[in-house]
Amino acid sequence: MMSEHKNKIEVIEDAHATGDVAQVYEAWRAQSGRQMMPGILKCFSHRPDFLQEVISFSNTVHFSEGHLTRRTKEAIASWVSWLNRCPY
């Protein structure tokens, strides 16, 4: 679990999500099998319509097979995140 800190972008946390945001969060949880929304996705929480588009785009680009395997894409993403000291 990441340490508590103030985000530069106001996000809607899982426990405070209602309405459309809660629906998008729940659909993401069901699809991913994970319990908590990643902070990088919560950055779009004030626009649940756009958040859904970001999730759809991400699933297509990052989490599908293509010229690179999903495993290779995730390895590259992890390496770039580490280089940038990004917690996501």
N, C-alpha and C. Protein backbone atom coordinates (compact mmCIF):
# COMPACT_ATOMS: atom_id res chain seq x y z
N MET A 1 0.85 -1.17 0.00
CA MET A 1 0.00 0.00 0.00
C MET A 1 0.89 1.23 0.00
N MET A 2 0.54 2.20 -0.82
CA MET A 2 1.32 3.44 -0.88
C MET A 2 1.06 4.28 0.36
N SER A 3 2.05 5.06 0.72
CA SER A 3 1.89 5.93 1.88
C SER A 3 0.85 7.01 1.58
N GLU A 4 0.21 7.48 2.63
CA GLU A 4 -0.80 8.53 2.47
C GLU A 4 -0.11 9.82 2.07
N HIS A 5 -0.58 10.44 1.02
CA HIS A 5 -0.05 11.73 0.60
C HIS A 5 -1.12 12.47 -0.19
N LYS A 6 -0.96 13.74 -0.31
CA LYS A 6 -1.92 14.57 -1.04
C LYS A 6 -1.59 14.52 -2.52
N ASN A 7 -2.56 14.13 -3.32
CA ASN A 7 -2.38 14.12 -4.77
C ASN A 7 -2.47 15.53 -5.31
N LYS A 8 -1.77 15.79 -6.39
CA LYS A 8 -1.88 17.08 -7.07
C LYS A 8 -3.22 17.17 -7.80
N ILE A 9 -3.76 16.03 -8.18
CA ILE A 9 -5.05 15.96 -8.85
C ILE A 9 -6.05 15.40 -7.85
N GLU A 10 -7.15 16.10 -7.65
CA GLU A 10 -8.21 15.59 -6.77
C GLU A 10 -8.81 14.35 -7.43
N VAL A 11 -8.88 13.27 -6.70
CA VAL A 11 -9.46 12.04 -7.23
C VAL A 11 -10.60 11.59 -6.32
N ILE A 12 -11.43 10.74 -6.85
CA ILE A 12 -12.49 10.13 -6.06
C ILE A 12 -11.99 8.76 -5.62
N GLU A 13 -11.80 8.61 -4.33
CA GLU A 13 -11.30 7.35 -3.79
C GLU A 13 -12.39 6.28 -3.88
N ASP A 14 -11.97 5.04 -3.87
CA ASP A 14 -12.90 3.91 -3.99
C ASP A 14 -14.06 4.01 -2.98
N ALA A 15 -13.74 4.31 -1.75
CA ALA A 15 -14.76 4.34 -0.70
C ALA A 15 -15.75 5.49 -0.86
N HIS A 16 -15.40 6.51 -1.65
CA HIS A 16 -16.27 7.67 -1.83
C HIS A 16 -16.95 7.71 -3.19
N ALA A 17 -16.71 6.70 -4.02
CA ALA A 17 -17.29 6.67 -5.36
C ALA A 17 -18.78 6.38 -5.30
N THR A 18 -19.55 7.18 -6.01
CA THR A 18 -20.99 6.98 -6.12
C THR A 18 -21.41 7.14 -7.58
N GLY A 19 -22.64 6.76 -7.87
CA GLY A 19 -23.20 6.98 -9.20
C GLY A 19 -22.38 6.36 -10.31
N ASP A 20 -22.18 7.15 -11.38
CA ASP A 20 -21.46 6.67 -12.56
C ASP A 20 -20.02 6.26 -12.25
N VAL A 21 -19.37 7.03 -11.36
CA VAL A 21 -17.99 6.70 -11.01
C VAL A 21 -17.94 5.33 -10.34
N ALA A 22 -18.84 5.08 -9.42
CA ALA A 22 -18.88 3.79 -8.74
C ALA A 22 -19.13 2.66 -9.74
N GLN A 23 -19.98 2.90 -10.72
CA GLN A 23 -20.26 1.87 -11.73
C GLN A 23 -19.02 1.55 -12.56
N VAL A 24 -18.29 2.59 -12.97
CA VAL A 24 -17.07 2.38 -13.75
C VAL A 24 -16.03 1.65 -12.90
N TYR A 25 -15.86 2.08 -11.65
CA TYR A 25 -14.91 1.42 -10.76
C TYR A 25 -15.27 -0.05 -10.60
N GLU A 26 -16.54 -0.33 -10.37
CA GLU A 26 -16.97 -1.72 -10.15
C GLU A 26 -16.77 -2.55 -11.42
N ALA A 27 -17.06 -2.01 -12.58
CA ALA A 27 -16.85 -2.73 -13.83
C ALA A 27 -15.37 -3.04 -14.02
N TRP A 28 -14.51 -2.07 -13.69
CA TRP A 28 -13.07 -2.28 -13.80
C TRP A 28 -12.61 -3.38 -12.85
N ARG A 29 -13.11 -3.35 -11.61
CA ARG A 29 -12.74 -4.38 -10.63
C ARG A 29 -13.16 -5.77 -11.13
N ALA A 30 -14.37 -5.87 -11.64
CA ALA A 30 -14.87 -7.16 -12.13
C ALA A 30 -14.02 -7.67 -13.30
N GLN A 31 -13.64 -6.77 -14.19
CA GLN A 31 -12.86 -7.15 -15.37
C GLN A 31 -11.41 -7.48 -15.00
N SER A 32 -10.84 -6.73 -14.06
CA SER A 32 -9.42 -6.89 -13.75
C SER A 32 -9.15 -7.93 -12.67
N GLY A 33 -10.15 -8.17 -11.81
CA GLY A 33 -9.95 -9.06 -10.68
C GLY A 33 -9.22 -8.40 -9.51
N ARG A 34 -8.96 -7.12 -9.62
CA ARG A 34 -8.29 -6.38 -8.55
C ARG A 34 -9.32 -5.69 -7.67
N GLN A 35 -8.93 -5.36 -6.46
CA GLN A 35 -9.87 -4.77 -5.50
C GLN A 35 -9.88 -3.24 -5.49
N MET A 36 -8.73 -2.62 -5.72
CA MET A 36 -8.62 -1.16 -5.61
C MET A 36 -8.27 -0.56 -6.97
N MET A 37 -8.95 0.52 -7.31
CA MET A 37 -8.63 1.25 -8.54
C MET A 37 -7.24 1.84 -8.43
N PRO A 38 -6.42 1.72 -9.48
CA PRO A 38 -5.10 2.34 -9.46
C PRO A 38 -5.22 3.87 -9.50
N GLY A 39 -4.32 4.52 -8.82
CA GLY A 39 -4.32 5.98 -8.79
C GLY A 39 -4.26 6.61 -10.17
N ILE A 40 -3.53 5.98 -11.08
CA ILE A 40 -3.40 6.54 -12.42
C ILE A 40 -4.76 6.62 -13.12
N LEU A 41 -5.66 5.68 -12.84
CA LEU A 41 -7.00 5.74 -13.42
C LEU A 41 -7.90 6.70 -12.66
N LYS A 42 -7.70 6.78 -11.34
CA LYS A 42 -8.52 7.69 -10.54
C LYS A 42 -8.31 9.15 -10.94
N CYS A 43 -7.23 9.43 -11.65
CA CYS A 43 -7.00 10.80 -12.12
C CYS A 43 -8.14 11.28 -13.01
N PHE A 44 -8.88 10.36 -13.59
CA PHE A 44 -9.98 10.70 -14.49
C PHE A 44 -11.34 10.51 -13.83
N SER A 45 -11.36 10.36 -12.52
CA SER A 45 -12.58 10.00 -11.80
C SER A 45 -13.68 11.06 -11.86
N HIS A 46 -13.33 12.31 -12.11
CA HIS A 46 -14.37 13.35 -12.18
C HIS A 46 -15.06 13.38 -13.54
N ARG A 47 -14.58 12.56 -14.47
CA ARG A 47 -15.22 12.40 -15.77
C ARG A 47 -15.39 10.91 -16.05
N PRO A 48 -16.39 10.28 -15.41
CA PRO A 48 -16.54 8.83 -15.56
C PRO A 48 -16.71 8.40 -17.01
N ASP A 49 -17.30 9.24 -17.85
CA ASP A 49 -17.43 8.90 -19.27
C ASP A 49 -16.06 8.80 -19.93
N PHE A 50 -15.18 9.73 -19.61
CA PHE A 50 -13.82 9.71 -20.15
C PHE A 50 -13.00 8.59 -19.51
N LEU A 51 -13.18 8.37 -18.22
CA LEU A 51 -12.49 7.28 -17.53
C LEU A 51 -12.79 5.96 -18.22
N GLN A 52 -14.04 5.73 -18.58
CA GLN A 52 -14.40 4.49 -19.27
C GLN A 52 -13.67 4.38 -20.60
N GLU A 53 -13.53 5.49 -21.32
CA GLU A 53 -12.80 5.49 -22.59
C GLU A 53 -11.32 5.21 -22.37
N VAL A 54 -10.73 5.77 -21.32
CA VAL A 54 -9.32 5.53 -20.99
C VAL A 54 -9.11 4.04 -20.69
N ILE A 55 -10.01 3.47 -19.91
CA ILE A 55 -9.91 2.04 -19.57
C ILE A 55 -10.01 1.20 -20.84
N SER A 56 -10.95 1.51 -21.69
CA SER A 56 -11.12 0.78 -22.94
C SER A 56 -9.87 0.88 -23.82
N PHE A 57 -9.34 2.10 -23.96
CA PHE A 57 -8.14 2.32 -24.75
C PHE A 57 -6.96 1.54 -24.16
N SER A 58 -6.81 1.63 -22.85
CA SER A 58 -5.71 0.94 -22.17
C SER A 58 -5.80 -0.57 -22.38
N ASN A 59 -7.00 -1.11 -22.24
CA ASN A 59 -7.18 -2.55 -22.45
C ASN A 59 -6.78 -2.95 -23.86
N THR A 60 -7.11 -2.11 -24.83
CA THR A 60 -6.79 -2.41 -26.23
C THR A 60 -5.30 -2.29 -26.50
N VAL A 61 -4.69 -1.22 -26.02
CA VAL A 61 -3.29 -0.96 -26.34
C VAL A 61 -2.33 -1.75 -25.45
N HIS A 62 -2.56 -1.71 -24.15
CA HIS A 62 -1.61 -2.28 -23.21
C HIS A 62 -1.84 -3.75 -22.90
N PHE A 63 -3.08 -4.17 -22.85
CA PHE A 63 -3.38 -5.49 -22.31
C PHE A 63 -3.93 -6.45 -23.35
N SER A 64 -3.49 -6.29 -24.57
CA SER A 64 -3.89 -7.22 -25.62
C SER A 64 -2.64 -7.67 -26.36
N GLU A 65 -2.76 -8.75 -27.07
CA GLU A 65 -1.65 -9.23 -27.87
C GLU A 65 -1.60 -8.42 -29.16
N GLY A 66 -0.43 -8.23 -29.69
CA GLY A 66 -0.24 -7.48 -30.93
C GLY A 66 1.15 -7.75 -31.44
N HIS A 67 1.81 -6.69 -31.92
CA HIS A 67 3.20 -6.86 -32.36
C HIS A 67 4.08 -7.30 -31.20
N LEU A 68 3.74 -6.82 -30.00
CA LEU A 68 4.42 -7.25 -28.78
C LEU A 68 3.43 -8.03 -27.94
N THR A 69 3.94 -8.98 -27.19
CA THR A 69 3.06 -9.72 -26.29
C THR A 69 2.68 -8.84 -25.11
N ARG A 70 1.60 -9.20 -24.44
CA ARG A 70 1.19 -8.46 -23.24
C ARG A 70 2.32 -8.48 -22.21
N ARG A 71 2.96 -9.61 -22.07
CA ARG A 71 4.07 -9.72 -21.11
C ARG A 71 5.17 -8.72 -21.41
N THR A 72 5.54 -8.59 -22.68
CA THR A 72 6.58 -7.64 -23.07
C THR A 72 6.14 -6.21 -22.81
N LYS A 73 4.88 -5.89 -23.14
CA LYS A 73 4.36 -4.54 -22.90
C LYS A 73 4.39 -4.20 -21.42
N GLU A 74 3.99 -5.15 -20.58
CA GLU A 74 3.98 -4.89 -19.14
C GLU A 74 5.40 -4.76 -18.60
N ALA A 75 6.34 -5.51 -19.15
CA ALA A 75 7.74 -5.38 -18.74
C ALA A 75 8.27 -3.99 -19.10
N ILE A 76 7.97 -3.52 -20.30
CA ILE A 76 8.40 -2.18 -20.72
C ILE A 76 7.76 -1.13 -19.82
N ALA A 77 6.46 -1.25 -19.56
CA ALA A 77 5.76 -0.28 -18.71
C ALA A 77 6.35 -0.26 -17.31
N SER A 78 6.67 -1.42 -16.77
CA SER A 78 7.27 -1.49 -15.44
C SER A 78 8.64 -0.82 -15.42
N TRP A 79 9.44 -1.07 -16.44
CA TRP A 79 10.77 -0.49 -16.51
C TRP A 79 10.69 1.04 -16.61
N VAL A 80 9.82 1.55 -17.48
CA VAL A 80 9.67 2.99 -17.64
C VAL A 80 9.16 3.62 -16.34
N SER A 81 8.21 2.97 -15.69
CA SER A 81 7.73 3.47 -14.39
C SER A 81 8.85 3.53 -13.37
N TRP A 82 9.69 2.50 -13.35
CA TRP A 82 10.81 2.49 -12.42
C TRP A 82 11.79 3.62 -12.74
N LEU A 83 12.10 3.80 -14.02
CA LEU A 83 13.02 4.87 -14.42
C LEU A 83 12.49 6.24 -14.01
N ASN A 84 11.18 6.42 -14.09
CA ASN A 84 10.55 7.70 -13.75
C ASN A 84 10.18 7.81 -12.28
N ARG A 85 10.50 6.77 -11.51
CA ARG A 85 10.15 6.71 -10.09
C ARG A 85 8.64 6.90 -9.89
N CYS A 86 7.89 6.33 -10.81
CA CYS A 86 6.43 6.43 -10.78
C CYS A 86 5.87 5.29 -9.94
N PRO A 87 5.00 5.60 -8.97
CA PRO A 87 4.46 4.54 -8.13
C PRO A 87 3.41 3.68 -8.83
N TYR A 88 3.01 4.02 -10.05
CA TYR A 88 1.99 3.25 -10.75
C TYR A 88 2.62 2.18 -11.61
